[in-house]
Amino acid sequence: MSEPWLSAEEVAAHLGVTKDTVYSWIADKAMPAHKVGRLWKFQASEVDDWVRAGGTASTVKRPPPDQPPPGRR
């Protein structure tokens, strides 16, 4: 049996985030999603793999823990 397709609302609940966050991740972070007509659909396994690979990671560069942030030396 094939994996069911999830809606944006269902994937948001699955990840514990808002639908707005899901749409932002599609646009800004290449979250795996498939457009079906006007709707976005998701496979939970693809989304889970993307999260595990660091897809939700911030793009802000942070200093290593042993160094103070820039401007605070």
PDB file of N, CA and C in Angstrom:
ATOM      1  N   MET A   1       0.848  -1.184   0.000  1.00  0.00           N
ATOM      2  CA  MET A   1       0.000   0.000   0.000  1.00  0.00           C
ATOM      3  C   MET A   1       0.890   1.242   0.000  1.00  0.00           C
ATOM      4  N   SER A   2       0.562   2.207  -0.827  1.00  0.00           N
ATOM      5  CA  SER A   2       1.385   3.410  -0.912  1.00  0.00           C
ATOM      6  C   SER A   2       1.063   4.370   0.230  1.00  0.00           C
ATOM      7  N   GLU A   3       2.028   5.227   0.481  1.00  0.00           N
ATOM      8  CA  GLU A   3       1.913   6.216   1.552  1.00  0.00           C
ATOM      9  C   GLU A   3       0.868   7.271   1.181  1.00  0.00           C
ATOM     10  N   PRO A   4       0.014   7.657   2.118  1.00  0.00           N
ATOM     11  CA  PRO A   4      -0.994   8.673   1.795  1.00  0.00           C
ATOM     12  C   PRO A   4      -0.365  10.060   1.661  1.00  0.00           C
ATOM     13  N   TRP A   5      -0.987  10.905   0.852  1.00  0.00           N
ATOM     14  CA  TRP A   5      -0.550  12.282   0.706  1.00  0.00           C
ATOM     15  C   TRP A   5      -1.125  13.105   1.849  1.00  0.00           C
ATOM     16  N   LEU A   6      -0.312  14.007   2.380  1.00  0.00           N
ATOM     17  CA  LEU A   6      -0.743  14.877   3.477  1.00  0.00           C
ATOM     18  C   LEU A   6      -0.968  16.291   2.963  1.00  0.00           C
ATOM     19  N   SER A   7      -1.910  16.987   3.578  1.00  0.00           N
ATOM     20  CA  SER A   7      -2.149  18.396   3.262  1.00  0.00           C
ATOM     21  C   SER A   7      -1.151  19.258   4.041  1.00  0.00           C
ATOM     22  N   ALA A   8      -1.107  20.540   3.724  1.00  0.00           N
ATOM     23  CA  ALA A   8      -0.239  21.467   4.454  1.00  0.00           C
ATOM     24  C   ALA A   8      -0.625  21.492   5.935  1.00  0.00           C
ATOM     25  N   GLU A   9      -1.904  21.457   6.213  1.00  0.00           N
ATOM     26  CA  GLU A   9      -2.371  21.456   7.600  1.00  0.00           C
ATOM     27  C   GLU A   9      -1.921  20.183   8.330  1.00  0.00           C
ATOM     28  N   GLU A  10      -2.022  19.052   7.663  1.00  0.00           N
ATOM     29  CA  GLU A  10      -1.619  17.783   8.285  1.00  0.00           C
ATOM     30  C   GLU A  10      -0.108  17.717   8.508  1.00  0.00           C
ATOM     31  N   VAL A  11       0.678  18.201   7.545  1.00  0.00           N
ATOM     32  CA  VAL A  11       2.131  18.156   7.725  1.00  0.00           C
ATOM     33  C   VAL A  11       2.555  19.148   8.800  1.00  0.00           C
ATOM     34  N   ALA A  12       1.857  20.279   8.904  1.00  0.00           N
ATOM     35  CA  ALA A  12       2.147  21.242   9.975  1.00  0.00           C
ATOM     36  C   ALA A  12       1.899  20.599  11.340  1.00  0.00           C
ATOM     37  N   ALA A  13       0.788  19.895  11.479  1.00  0.00           N
ATOM     38  CA  ALA A  13       0.496  19.200  12.739  1.00  0.00           C
ATOM     39  C   ALA A  13       1.527  18.109  13.009  1.00  0.00           C
ATOM     40  N   HIS A  14       1.929  17.397  11.978  1.00  0.00           N
ATOM     41  CA  HIS A  14       2.926  16.332  12.095  1.00  0.00           C
ATOM     42  C   HIS A  14       4.243  16.882  12.649  1.00  0.00           C
ATOM     43  N   LEU A  15       4.614  18.095  12.196  1.00  0.00           N
ATOM     44  CA  LEU A  15       5.884  18.696  12.615  1.00  0.00           C
ATOM     45  C   LEU A  15       5.750  19.619  13.821  1.00  0.00           C
ATOM     46  N   GLY A  16       4.522  19.940  14.203  1.00  0.00           N
ATOM     47  CA  GLY A  16       4.320  20.824  15.350  1.00  0.00           C
ATOM     48  C   GLY A  16       4.616  22.285  15.041  1.00  0.00           C
ATOM     49  N   VAL A  17       4.311  22.704  13.798  1.00  0.00           N
ATOM     50  CA  VAL A  17       4.511  24.092  13.387  1.00  0.00           C
ATOM     51  C   VAL A  17       3.218  24.602  12.767  1.00  0.00           C
ATOM     52  N   THR A  18       3.199  25.874  12.384  1.00  0.00           N
ATOM     53  CA  THR A  18       2.004  26.430  11.738  1.00  0.00           C
ATOM     54  C   THR A  18       2.039  26.183  10.233  1.00  0.00           C
ATOM     55  N   LYS A  19       0.869  26.343   9.602  1.00  0.00           N
ATOM     56  CA  LYS A  19       0.808  26.236   8.141  1.00  0.00           C
ATOM     57  C   LYS A  19       1.659  27.318   7.498  1.00  0.00           C
ATOM     58  N   ASP A  20       1.684  28.497   8.092  1.00  0.00           N
ATOM     59  CA  ASP A  20       2.508  29.585   7.548  1.00  0.00           C
ATOM     60  C   ASP A  20       3.979  29.190   7.517  1.00  0.00           C
ATOM     61  N   THR A  21       4.441  28.489   8.545  1.00  0.00           N
ATOM     62  CA  THR A  21       5.826  28.015   8.573  1.00  0.00           C
ATOM     63  C   THR A  21       6.062  27.014   7.449  1.00  0.00           C
ATOM     64  N   VAL A  22       5.122  26.121   7.229  1.00  0.00           N
ATOM     65  CA  VAL A  22       5.242  25.134   6.145  1.00  0.00           C
ATOM     66  C   VAL A  22       5.374  25.852   4.807  1.00  0.00           C
ATOM     67  N   TYR A  23       4.515  26.828   4.531  1.00  0.00           N
ATOM     68  CA  TYR A  23       4.579  27.561   3.265  1.00  0.00           C
ATOM     69  C   TYR A  23       5.896  28.326   3.141  1.00  0.00           C
ATOM     70  N   SER A  24       6.373  28.879   4.244  1.00  0.00           N
ATOM     71  CA  SER A  24       7.656  29.581   4.241  1.00  0.00           C
ATOM     72  C   SER A  24       8.793  28.623   3.905  1.00  0.00           C
ATOM     73  N   TRP A  25       8.774  27.420   4.496  1.00  0.00           N
ATOM     74  CA  TRP A  25       9.819  26.427   4.232  1.00  0.00           C
ATOM     75  C   TRP A  25       9.782  25.959   2.778  1.00  0.00           C
ATOM     76  N   ILE A  26       8.601  25.864   2.188  1.00  0.00           N
ATOM     77  CA  ILE A  26       8.510  25.489   0.767  1.00  0.00           C
ATOM     78  C   ILE A  26       9.223  26.550  -0.071  1.00  0.00           C
ATOM     79  N   ALA A  27       8.925  27.818   0.212  1.00  0.00           N
ATOM     80  CA  ALA A  27       9.469  28.924  -0.584  1.00  0.00           C
ATOM     81  C   ALA A  27      10.950  29.172  -0.318  1.00  0.00           C
ATOM     82  N   ASP A  28      11.356  29.112   0.951  1.00  0.00           N
ATOM     83  CA  ASP A  28      12.703  29.554   1.334  1.00  0.00           C
ATOM     84  C   ASP A  28      13.711  28.443   1.569  1.00  0.00           C
ATOM     85  N   LYS A  29      13.239  27.246   1.870  1.00  0.00           N
ATOM     86  CA  LYS A  29      14.166  26.187   2.282  1.00  0.00           C
ATOM     87  C   LYS A  29      13.997  24.887   1.502  1.00  0.00           C
ATOM     88  N   ALA A  30      13.306  24.960   0.381  1.00  0.00           N
ATOM     89  CA  ALA A  30      13.154  23.804  -0.512  1.00  0.00           C
ATOM     90  C   ALA A  30      12.557  22.579   0.180  1.00  0.00           C
ATOM     91  N   MET A  31      11.562  22.816   1.029  1.00  0.00           N
ATOM     92  CA  MET A  31      10.855  21.696   1.657  1.00  0.00           C
ATOM     93  C   MET A  31      10.229  20.849   0.556  1.00  0.00           C
ATOM     94  N   PRO A  32      10.359  19.524   0.625  1.00  0.00           N
ATOM     95  CA  PRO A  32       9.778  18.684  -0.422  1.00  0.00           C
ATOM     96  C   PRO A  32       8.249  18.735  -0.406  1.00  0.00           C
ATOM     97  N   ALA A  33       7.688  19.231  -1.495  1.00  0.00           N
ATOM     98  CA  ALA A  33       6.244  19.373  -1.614  1.00  0.00           C
ATOM     99  C   ALA A  33       5.873  19.239  -3.086  1.00  0.00           C
ATOM    100  N   HIS A  34       4.661  18.829  -3.317  1.00  0.00           N
ATOM    101  CA  HIS A  34       4.169  18.612  -4.680  1.00  0.00           C
ATOM    102  C   HIS A  34       2.898  19.419  -4.873  1.00  0.00           C
ATOM    103  N   LYS A  35       2.858  20.218  -5.913  1.00  0.00           N
ATOM    104  CA  LYS A  35       1.684  21.032  -6.202  1.00  0.00           C
ATOM    105  C   LYS A  35       0.689  20.179  -6.982  1.00  0.00           C
ATOM    106  N   VAL A  36      -0.514  20.052  -6.450  1.00  0.00           N
ATOM    107  CA  VAL A  36      -1.592  19.312  -7.102  1.00  0.00           C
ATOM    108  C   VAL A  36      -2.728  20.309  -7.301  1.00  0.00           C
ATOM    109  N   GLY A  37      -2.835  20.834  -8.514  1.00  0.00           N
ATOM    110  CA  GLY A  37      -3.796  21.916  -8.743  1.00  0.00           C
ATOM    111  C   GLY A  37      -3.349  23.140  -7.953  1.00  0.00           C
ATOM    112  N   ARG A  38      -4.211  23.636  -7.090  1.00  0.00           N
ATOM    113  CA  ARG A  38      -3.872  24.780  -6.236  1.00  0.00           C
ATOM    114  C   ARG A  38      -3.310  24.356  -4.884  1.00  0.00           C
ATOM    115  N   LEU A  39      -3.313  23.070  -4.593  1.00  0.00           N
ATOM    116  CA  LEU A  39      -2.943  22.585  -3.263  1.00  0.00           C
ATOM    117  C   LEU A  39      -1.525  22.037  -3.217  1.00  0.00           C
ATOM    118  N   TRP A  40      -0.885  22.196  -2.076  1.00  0.00           N
ATOM    119  CA  TRP A  40       0.400  21.543  -1.819  1.00  0.00           C
ATOM    120  C   TRP A  40       0.132  20.224  -1.121  1.00  0.00           C
ATOM    121  N   LYS A  41       0.805  19.174  -1.560  1.00  0.00           N
ATOM    122  CA  LYS A  41       0.688  17.853  -0.943  1.00  0.00           C
ATOM    123  C   LYS A  41       2.075  17.362  -0.569  1.00  0.00           C
ATOM    124  N   PHE A  42       2.134  16.521   0.456  1.00  0.00           N
ATOM    125  CA  PHE A  42       3.398  16.083   1.025  1.00  0.00           C
ATOM    126  C   PHE A  42       3.382  14.589   1.307  1.00  0.00           C
ATOM    127  N   GLN A  43       4.545  13.973   1.233  1.00  0.00           N
ATOM    128  CA  GLN A  43       4.743  12.604   1.701  1.00  0.00           C
ATOM    129  C   GLN A  43       5.502  12.721   3.018  1.00  0.00           C
ATOM    130  N   ALA A  44       4.958  12.158   4.074  1.00  0.00           N
ATOM    131  CA  ALA A  44       5.576  12.284   5.392  1.00  0.00           C
ATOM    132  C   ALA A  44       7.013  11.776   5.376  1.00  0.00           C
ATOM    133  N   SER A  45       7.287  10.703   4.641  1.00  0.00           N
ATOM    134  CA  SER A  45       8.643  10.146   4.618  1.00  0.00           C
ATOM    135  C   SER A  45       9.629  11.137   3.994  1.00  0.00           C
ATOM    136  N   GLU A  46       9.216  11.853   2.929  1.00  0.00           N
ATOM    137  CA  GLU A  46      10.087  12.850   2.310  1.00  0.00           C
ATOM    138  C   GLU A  46      10.347  14.017   3.258  1.00  0.00           C
ATOM    139  N   VAL A  47       9.293  14.462   3.932  1.00  0.00           N
ATOM    140  CA  VAL A  47       9.425  15.580   4.875  1.00  0.00           C
ATOM    141  C   VAL A  47      10.322  15.171   6.044  1.00  0.00           C
ATOM    142  N   ASP A  48      10.111  13.980   6.581  1.00  0.00           N
ATOM    143  CA  ASP A  48      10.932  13.503   7.697  1.00  0.00           C
ATOM    144  C   ASP A  48      12.405  13.406   7.302  1.00  0.00           C
ATOM    145  N   ASP A  49      12.686  12.898   6.104  1.00  0.00           N
ATOM    146  CA  ASP A  49      14.070  12.815   5.612  1.00  0.00           C
ATOM    147  C   ASP A  49      14.680  14.207   5.478  1.00  0.00           C
ATOM    148  N   TRP A  50      13.893  15.160   4.971  1.00  0.00           N
ATOM    149  CA  TRP A  50      14.351  16.540   4.799  1.00  0.00           C
ATOM    150  C   TRP A  50      14.685  17.169   6.155  1.00  0.00           C
ATOM    151  N   VAL A  51      13.831  16.939   7.149  1.00  0.00           N
ATOM    152  CA  VAL A  51      14.093  17.477   8.493  1.00  0.00           C
ATOM    153  C   VAL A  51      15.364  16.857   9.063  1.00  0.00           C
ATOM    154  N   ARG A  52      15.508  15.543   8.959  1.00  0.00           N
ATOM    155  CA  ARG A  52      16.698  14.856   9.487  1.00  0.00           C
ATOM    156  C   ARG A  52      17.981  15.328   8.805  1.00  0.00           C
ATOM    157  N   ALA A  53      17.880  15.722   7.543  1.00  0.00           N
ATOM    158  CA  ALA A  53      19.047  16.197   6.788  1.00  0.00           C
ATOM    159  C   ALA A  53      19.369  17.661   7.089  1.00  0.00           C
ATOM    160  N   GLY A  54      18.592  18.292   7.960  1.00  0.00           N
ATOM    161  CA  GLY A  54      18.877  19.671   8.339  1.00  0.00           C
ATOM    162  C   GLY A  54      18.133  20.703   7.527  1.00  0.00           C
ATOM    163  N   GLY A  55      17.074  20.308   6.864  1.00  0.00           N
ATOM    164  CA  GLY A  55      16.322  21.230   6.019  1.00  0.00           C
ATOM    165  C   GLY A  55      15.735  22.419   6.747  1.00  0.00           C
ATOM    166  N   THR A  56      15.454  22.281   8.013  1.00  0.00           N
ATOM    167  CA  THR A  56      14.866  23.381   8.773  1.00  0.00           C
ATOM    168  C   THR A  56      15.924  24.249   9.439  1.00  0.00           C
ATOM    169  N   ALA A  57      17.192  23.885   9.281  1.00  0.00           N
ATOM    170  CA  ALA A  57      18.270  24.606   9.959  1.00  0.00           C
ATOM    171  C   ALA A  57      18.295  26.071   9.545  1.00  0.00           C
ATOM    172  N   SER A  58      18.612  26.899  10.482  1.00  0.00           N
ATOM    173  CA  SER A  58      18.737  28.330  10.231  1.00  0.00           C
ATOM    174  C   SER A  58      19.920  28.591   9.316  1.00  0.00           C
ATOM    175  N   THR A  59      19.806  29.611   8.494  1.00  0.00           N
ATOM    176  CA  THR A  59      20.908  29.968   7.610  1.00  0.00           C
ATOM    177  C   THR A  59      21.816  31.017   8.253  1.00  0.00           C
ATOM    178  N   VAL A  60      21.495  31.439   9.473  1.00  0.00           N
ATOM    179  CA  VAL A  60      22.311  32.414  10.184  1.00  0.00           C
ATOM    180  C   VAL A  60      23.569  31.727  10.677  1.00  0.00           C
ATOM    181  N   LYS A  61      24.713  32.322  10.371  1.00  0.00           N
ATOM    182  CA  LYS A  61      25.982  31.758  10.842  1.00  0.00           C
ATOM    183  C   LYS A  61      26.156  32.084  12.315  1.00  0.00           C
ATOM    184  N   ARG A  62      26.411  31.084  13.101  1.00  0.00           N
ATOM    185  CA  ARG A  62      26.643  31.274  14.531  1.00  0.00           C
ATOM    186  C   ARG A  62      28.079  30.910  14.852  1.00  0.00           C
ATOM    187  N   PRO A  63      28.703  31.665  15.780  1.00  0.00           N
ATOM    188  CA  PRO A  63      30.081  31.337  16.138  1.00  0.00           C
ATOM    189  C   PRO A  63      30.134  30.026  16.913  1.00  0.00           C
ATOM    190  N   PRO A  64      31.275  29.344  16.870  1.00  0.00           N
ATOM    191  CA  PRO A  64      31.416  28.141  17.688  1.00  0.00           C
ATOM    192  C   PRO A  64      31.178  28.485  19.156  1.00  0.00           C
ATOM    193  N   PRO A  65      30.746  27.520  19.969  1.00  0.00           N
ATOM    194  CA  PRO A  65      30.397  27.792  21.370  1.00  0.00           C
ATOM    195  C   PRO A  65      31.533  28.424  22.179  1.00  0.00           C
ATOM    196  N   ASP A  66      32.785  28.172  21.805  1.00  0.00           N
ATOM    197  CA  ASP A  66      33.897  28.714  22.587  1.00  0.00           C
ATOM    198  C   ASP A  66      34.285  30.130  22.172  1.00  0.00           C
ATOM    199  N   GLN A  67      33.589  30.730  21.198  1.00  0.00           N
ATOM    200  CA  GLN A  67      33.897  32.088  20.756  1.00  0.00           C
ATOM    201  C   GLN A  67      32.688  32.991  21.002  1.00  0.00           C
ATOM    202  N   PRO A  68      32.936  34.233  21.443  1.00  0.00           N
ATOM    203  CA  PRO A  68      31.810  35.154  21.632  1.00  0.00           C
ATOM    204  C   PRO A  68      31.267  35.612  20.284  1.00  0.00           C
ATOM    205  N   PRO A  69      30.017  36.042  20.255  1.00  0.00           N
ATOM    206  CA  PRO A  69      29.456  36.557  18.992  1.00  0.00           C
ATOM    207  C   PRO A  69      30.236  37.776  18.517  1.00  0.00           C
ATOM    208  N   PRO A  70      30.188  38.066  17.213  1.00  0.00           N
ATOM    209  CA  PRO A  70      30.899  39.237  16.697  1.00  0.00           C
ATOM    210  C   PRO A  70      30.472  40.505  17.427  1.00  0.00           C
ATOM    211  N   GLY A  71      31.449  41.380  17.703  1.00  0.00           N
ATOM    212  CA  GLY A  71      31.155  42.634  18.386  1.00  0.00           C
ATOM    213  C   GLY A  71      31.109  42.522  19.893  1.00  0.00           C
ATOM    214  N   ARG A  72      31.387  41.366  20.449  1.00  0.00           N
ATOM    215  CA  ARG A  72      31.339  41.192  21.910  1.00  0.00           C
ATOM    216  C   ARG A  72      32.642  40.621  22.441  1.00  0.00           C
ATOM    217  N   ARG A  73      33.728  41.044  21.895  1.00  0.00           N
ATOM    218  CA  ARG A  73      35.027  40.508  22.328  1.00  0.00           C
ATOM    219  C   ARG A  73      35.632  41.341  23.381  1.00  0.00           C
TER     220      ARG A  73
END
